[in-house]
Protein backbone atom coordinates (compact mmCIF):
# COMPACT_ATOMS: atom_id res chain seq x y z
CA UNK A 1 42.94 14.47 2.54
CA UNK A 2 43.17 18.21 1.93
CA UNK A 3 42.00 19.76 5.22
CA UNK A 4 41.23 23.06 3.49
CA UNK A 5 38.51 21.33 1.47
CA UNK A 6 36.24 19.11 3.60
CA UNK A 7 34.91 17.42 0.45
CA UNK A 8 38.28 16.35 -0.92
CA UNK A 9 38.09 12.57 -0.65
CA UNK A 10 41.29 11.74 -2.49
CA UNK A 11 43.04 8.70 -1.03
CA UNK A 12 39.92 7.75 0.93
CA UNK A 13 38.22 4.40 0.43
CA UNK A 14 34.43 4.44 0.06
CA UNK A 15 32.52 1.12 0.02
CA UNK A 16 28.89 1.23 -1.16
CA UNK A 17 26.64 -1.79 -0.68
CA UNK A 18 23.93 -1.73 -3.33
CA UNK A 19 26.12 0.73 -5.23
CA UNK A 20 25.30 -0.39 -8.75
CA UNK A 21 22.06 1.56 -9.18
CA UNK A 22 19.70 4.24 -7.87
CA UNK A 23 20.40 6.31 -4.79
CA UNK A 24 23.44 4.25 -3.85
CA UNK A 25 25.07 4.67 -7.26
CA UNK A 26 24.32 8.39 -7.01
CA UNK A 27 26.19 8.48 -3.71
CA UNK A 28 29.10 6.48 -5.12
CA UNK A 29 29.27 8.80 -8.13
CA UNK A 30 29.44 11.90 -5.92
CA UNK A 31 32.35 10.46 -3.97
CA UNK A 32 34.07 9.42 -7.21
CA UNK A 33 33.79 13.00 -8.48
CA UNK A 34 35.63 14.11 -5.36
CA UNK A 35 38.50 11.67 -5.85
CA UNK A 36 37.57 8.73 -3.62
CA UNK A 37 38.57 5.15 -4.33
CA UNK A 38 35.30 3.28 -4.80
CA UNK A 39 34.29 -0.28 -4.00
CA UNK A 40 30.72 -1.26 -4.83
CA UNK A 41 28.75 -4.37 -3.93
CA UNK A 42 25.75 -5.77 -5.80
CA UNK A 43 24.17 -9.09 -6.69
CA UNK A 44 24.13 -8.26 -10.41
CA UNK A 45 27.47 -8.43 -12.23
CA UNK A 46 26.00 -6.72 -15.29
CA UNK A 47 24.86 -3.77 -13.16
CA UNK A 48 28.25 -3.67 -11.48
CA UNK A 49 29.96 -3.46 -14.88
CA UNK A 50 27.73 -0.57 -15.96
CA UNK A 51 28.23 1.28 -12.68
CA UNK A 52 32.02 0.89 -12.83
CA UNK A 53 32.07 2.34 -16.32
CA UNK A 54 30.22 5.40 -14.99
CA UNK A 55 32.40 5.78 -11.89
CA UNK A 56 35.70 5.44 -13.74
CA UNK A 57 34.79 8.28 -16.08
CA UNK A 58 35.81 10.64 -13.29
CA UNK A 59 39.40 9.44 -13.56
CA UNK A 60 39.65 7.60 -10.26
CA UNK A 61 39.82 3.97 -9.23
CA UNK A 62 36.74 1.80 -8.77
CA UNK A 63 36.24 -1.91 -8.24
CA UNK A 64 33.11 -4.07 -8.01
CA UNK A 65 32.20 -7.15 -5.98
CA UNK A 66 29.28 -9.48 -6.60
CA UNK A 67 27.54 -10.80 -3.49
CA UNK A 68 24.11 -11.13 -1.90
CA UNK A 69 23.90 -9.19 1.38
CA UNK A 70 21.99 -12.13 2.87
CA UNK A 71 25.14 -14.28 2.50
CA UNK A 72 27.47 -13.38 5.37
CA UNK A 73 30.43 -15.29 3.94
CA UNK A 74 30.17 -13.64 0.54
CA UNK A 75 29.83 -10.19 2.10
CA UNK A 76 32.87 -10.74 4.32
CA UNK A 77 34.92 -11.95 1.36
CA UNK A 78 33.96 -8.89 -0.69
CA UNK A 79 34.85 -6.50 2.12
CA UNK A 80 38.16 -8.26 2.64
CA UNK A 81 38.99 -8.06 -1.06
CA UNK A 82 38.11 -4.36 -1.09
CA UNK A 83 40.35 -3.72 1.90
CA UNK A 84 43.21 -5.57 0.22
CA UNK A 85 42.78 -3.44 -2.91
CA UNK A 86 42.31 0.05 -1.44
CA UNK A 87 43.15 -0.22 2.27
CA UNK A 88 40.95 0.34 5.32
CA UNK A 89 37.42 1.53 4.56
CA UNK A 90 36.90 5.19 5.43
CA UNK A 91 33.23 5.45 4.42
CA UNK A 92 30.76 2.56 4.33
CA UNK A 93 27.31 3.04 2.80
CA UNK A 94 24.81 0.26 3.45
CA UNK A 95 21.97 0.64 0.99
CA UNK A 96 20.67 -2.70 -0.28
CA UNK A 97 16.85 -2.77 -0.18
CA UNK A 98 13.76 -4.46 -1.54
CA UNK A 99 10.13 -3.37 -1.70
CA UNK A 100 6.73 -4.04 -3.23
CA UNK A 101 3.19 -2.91 -2.53
CA UNK A 102 0.90 -5.31 -0.69
CA UNK A 103 -1.57 -5.25 2.20
CA UNK A 104 -0.58 -7.47 5.12
CA UNK A 105 -3.39 -9.91 4.31
CA UNK A 106 -2.23 -10.03 0.69
CA UNK A 107 1.38 -10.76 1.60
CA UNK A 108 2.89 -14.18 2.11
CA UNK A 109 5.23 -15.00 4.96
CA UNK A 110 7.95 -15.52 2.38
CA UNK A 111 7.33 -12.09 0.84
CA UNK A 112 7.58 -10.42 4.25
CA UNK A 113 10.71 -12.41 5.09
CA UNK A 114 12.40 -11.55 1.80
CA UNK A 115 12.22 -7.81 2.44
CA UNK A 116 13.26 -8.16 6.09
CA UNK A 117 16.17 -10.39 5.06
CA UNK A 118 17.42 -7.94 2.43
CA UNK A 119 16.83 -4.70 4.33
CA UNK A 120 17.45 -5.61 7.97
CA UNK A 121 19.46 -8.82 8.01
CA UNK A 122 21.43 -7.58 5.00
CA UNK A 123 22.23 -4.32 6.80
CA UNK A 124 23.37 -6.23 9.88
CA UNK A 125 25.52 -8.56 7.78
CA UNK A 126 27.23 -5.67 5.98
CA UNK A 127 27.84 -3.58 9.11
CA UNK A 128 28.89 -6.52 11.29
CA UNK A 129 31.28 -7.92 8.69
CA UNK A 130 32.70 -4.48 7.88
CA UNK A 131 33.80 -3.68 11.42
CA UNK A 132 37.21 -5.34 11.10
CA UNK A 133 37.89 -3.56 7.79
CA UNK A 134 36.89 -0.04 8.86
CA UNK A 135 39.45 2.64 9.65
CA UNK A 136 39.67 3.02 13.41
CA UNK A 137 39.38 5.76 14.45
CA UNK A 138 37.80 7.84 11.73
CA UNK A 139 35.38 5.64 9.76
CA UNK A 140 31.90 6.86 8.86
CA UNK A 141 29.04 4.40 8.31
CA UNK A 142 25.82 5.50 6.58
CA UNK A 143 22.70 3.36 6.33
CA UNK A 144 20.06 4.23 3.77
CA UNK A 145 16.69 3.98 5.49
CA UNK A 146 13.12 5.03 4.61
CA UNK A 147 10.38 7.08 6.25
CA UNK A 148 8.36 3.88 6.67
CA UNK A 149 10.67 3.27 9.66
CA UNK A 150 8.78 5.90 11.66
CA UNK A 151 5.66 6.67 9.60
CA UNK A 152 3.29 3.65 9.71
CA UNK A 153 2.29 3.17 6.10
CA UNK A 154 -0.44 0.83 4.79
CA UNK A 155 0.68 -1.66 2.13
CA UNK A 156 4.23 -1.39 3.54
CA UNK A 157 4.18 -3.54 6.70
CA UNK A 158 7.30 -5.42 5.62
CA UNK A 159 9.29 -2.25 4.87
CA UNK A 160 8.06 -0.49 8.02
CA UNK A 161 9.29 -3.39 10.15
CA UNK A 162 12.59 -3.79 8.34
CA UNK A 163 13.57 -0.11 8.19
CA UNK A 164 12.58 0.48 11.82
CA UNK A 165 15.08 -2.24 12.62
CA UNK A 166 17.74 -0.59 10.45
CA UNK A 167 17.34 2.72 12.29
CA UNK A 168 17.51 1.07 15.70
CA UNK A 169 20.59 -0.86 14.56
CA UNK A 170 22.12 2.49 13.60
CA UNK A 171 21.54 3.88 17.09
CA UNK A 172 22.78 0.80 18.93
CA UNK A 173 25.97 0.46 16.88
CA UNK A 174 26.65 4.18 17.23
CA UNK A 175 26.79 3.54 20.98
CA UNK A 176 28.76 0.30 20.79
CA UNK A 177 31.32 1.41 18.18
CA UNK A 178 31.81 5.00 19.28
CA UNK A 179 34.78 3.95 21.39
CA UNK A 180 36.45 2.72 18.18
CA UNK A 181 36.05 6.17 16.65
CA UNK A 182 33.39 4.94 14.21
CA UNK A 183 30.38 7.17 13.50
CA UNK A 184 27.11 5.62 12.28
CA UNK A 185 24.06 7.48 10.93
CA UNK A 186 20.99 6.80 8.80
CA UNK A 187 19.81 8.90 5.86
CA UNK A 188 16.08 8.75 5.15
CA UNK A 189 15.46 9.74 1.51
CA UNK A 190 12.13 11.08 0.34
CA UNK A 191 10.77 10.43 -3.17
CA UNK A 192 13.83 10.64 -5.44
CA UNK A 193 13.22 11.14 -9.14
CA UNK A 194 14.27 8.40 -11.53
CA UNK A 195 14.70 5.68 -8.90
CA UNK A 196 13.28 2.18 -8.76
CA UNK A 197 11.51 3.04 -5.51
CA UNK A 198 9.51 5.81 -7.18
CA UNK A 199 8.70 3.56 -10.14
CA UNK A 200 7.33 0.90 -7.79
CA UNK A 201 5.42 3.15 -5.40
CA UNK A 202 4.22 5.71 -7.97
CA UNK A 203 3.73 3.63 -11.13
CA UNK A 204 1.85 6.27 -13.11
CA UNK A 205 1.69 10.03 -13.60
CA UNK A 206 -1.35 10.47 -11.35
CA UNK A 207 0.40 8.79 -8.42
CA UNK A 208 3.56 10.80 -9.02
CA UNK A 209 1.54 14.02 -8.91
CA UNK A 210 -0.18 12.92 -5.70
CA UNK A 211 3.19 12.47 -4.03
CA UNK A 212 4.56 15.77 -5.30
CA UNK A 213 1.56 17.62 -3.87
CA UNK A 214 2.34 16.20 -0.41
CA UNK A 215 5.97 17.38 -0.39
CA UNK A 216 6.18 20.74 1.42
CA UNK A 217 9.05 21.80 -0.85
CA UNK A 218 6.89 20.95 -3.86
CA UNK A 219 9.28 18.73 -5.79
CA UNK A 220 10.86 15.32 -5.96
CA UNK A 221 14.37 15.01 -4.59
CA UNK A 222 17.42 14.34 -6.73
CA UNK A 223 20.29 11.92 -6.39
CA UNK A 224 22.54 14.87 -5.56
CA UNK A 225 20.24 15.87 -2.69
CA UNK A 226 21.01 12.55 -1.00
CA UNK A 227 24.64 12.30 -2.07
CA UNK A 228 25.37 15.79 -0.76
CA UNK A 229 24.20 14.87 2.74
CA UNK A 230 26.20 11.64 2.63
CA UNK A 231 29.31 13.66 1.83
CA UNK A 232 28.64 16.08 4.68
CA UNK A 233 28.26 13.20 7.14
CA UNK A 234 31.47 11.59 5.85
CA UNK A 235 33.45 14.83 5.94
CA UNK A 236 35.08 16.63 8.87
CA UNK A 237 31.94 18.82 8.97
CA UNK A 238 30.06 15.76 10.29
CA UNK A 239 32.77 14.71 12.69
CA UNK A 240 30.60 15.05 15.82
CA UNK A 241 27.44 13.50 14.38
CA UNK A 242 26.57 9.91 15.23
CA UNK A 243 23.45 7.89 15.98
CA UNK A 244 21.28 10.26 13.94
CA UNK A 245 18.36 9.27 11.69
CA UNK A 246 18.20 12.17 9.23
CA UNK A 247 15.20 12.67 6.89
CA UNK A 248 16.23 14.19 3.56
CA UNK A 249 12.75 14.19 2.10
CA UNK A 250 11.55 17.71 1.35
CA UNK A 251 9.36 17.42 4.44
CA UNK A 252 7.02 14.70 3.13
CA UNK A 253 7.35 12.63 6.31
CA UNK A 254 5.75 15.54 8.21
CA UNK A 255 2.47 14.96 6.39
CA UNK A 256 1.92 11.46 7.76
CA UNK A 257 1.36 8.14 6.01
CA UNK A 258 1.12 8.05 2.26
CA UNK A 259 -1.97 6.47 0.75
CA UNK A 260 -0.79 3.72 -1.59
CA UNK A 261 -4.25 2.20 -2.14
CA UNK A 262 -4.58 3.61 -5.68
CA UNK A 263 -1.05 2.49 -6.57
CA UNK A 264 -1.82 -0.97 -5.18
CA UNK A 265 -5.00 -1.12 -7.27
CA UNK A 266 -2.99 -0.08 -10.34
CA UNK A 267 -0.52 -2.91 -9.80
CA UNK A 268 -3.41 -5.38 -9.57
CA UNK A 269 -4.88 -4.11 -12.84
CA UNK A 270 -1.50 -4.43 -14.54
CA UNK A 271 -0.86 -7.93 -13.19
């Protein structure tokens, strides 16, 4: 790595769980533009193929692995294959997530469990399995969280519970793995334009406008807004940062819980 440029990631291995779409693909793309060797993990092989085509346009190396983060064995195998291909993992991004709108009384036990299994159990599986493949010392781990972890939000009980667990997992592992020279932080994105999360939680123009009006900076975030912070955390500039849950949300979490009742009603009308 060129020490004169903290964002030169040539010869560094970046592994992105959930890296075939949305925020996670945006992060992977930013690292690819800066020369990193990319490994991405996703359940969907077709999405992996499309993401690899995008990542390889930057001239670097990128490989994909198909696995469900709820399957510990499959995740471990994917991480091992990535390490065999590109060497020890320098940057690990754990970003697999699921969400839908529903009040607690309108949500089945299976629906709640599905989100917790993907978001929280999946995060644990990825981080736990990755430990043996991370560069020690020097690895950076980044979990992608959500403001529901610390802002109680109606119609999001499952996500609130799961993401609160992800953030606490970040803090605990930062303490346990610090001696190995591994740093672990969470990024908390706000509403990011063009993502599946925005499409689900703001399904129409009126809801999108309602969210924008609650953002102190007055706009939706971009993929580069999130990717830029991920690169700072992974660079020497972030070398003394660990155990941090960092909102990158234009300030929307300062305004309290979002009201998803109208969006929920819209989903019921469309059902």
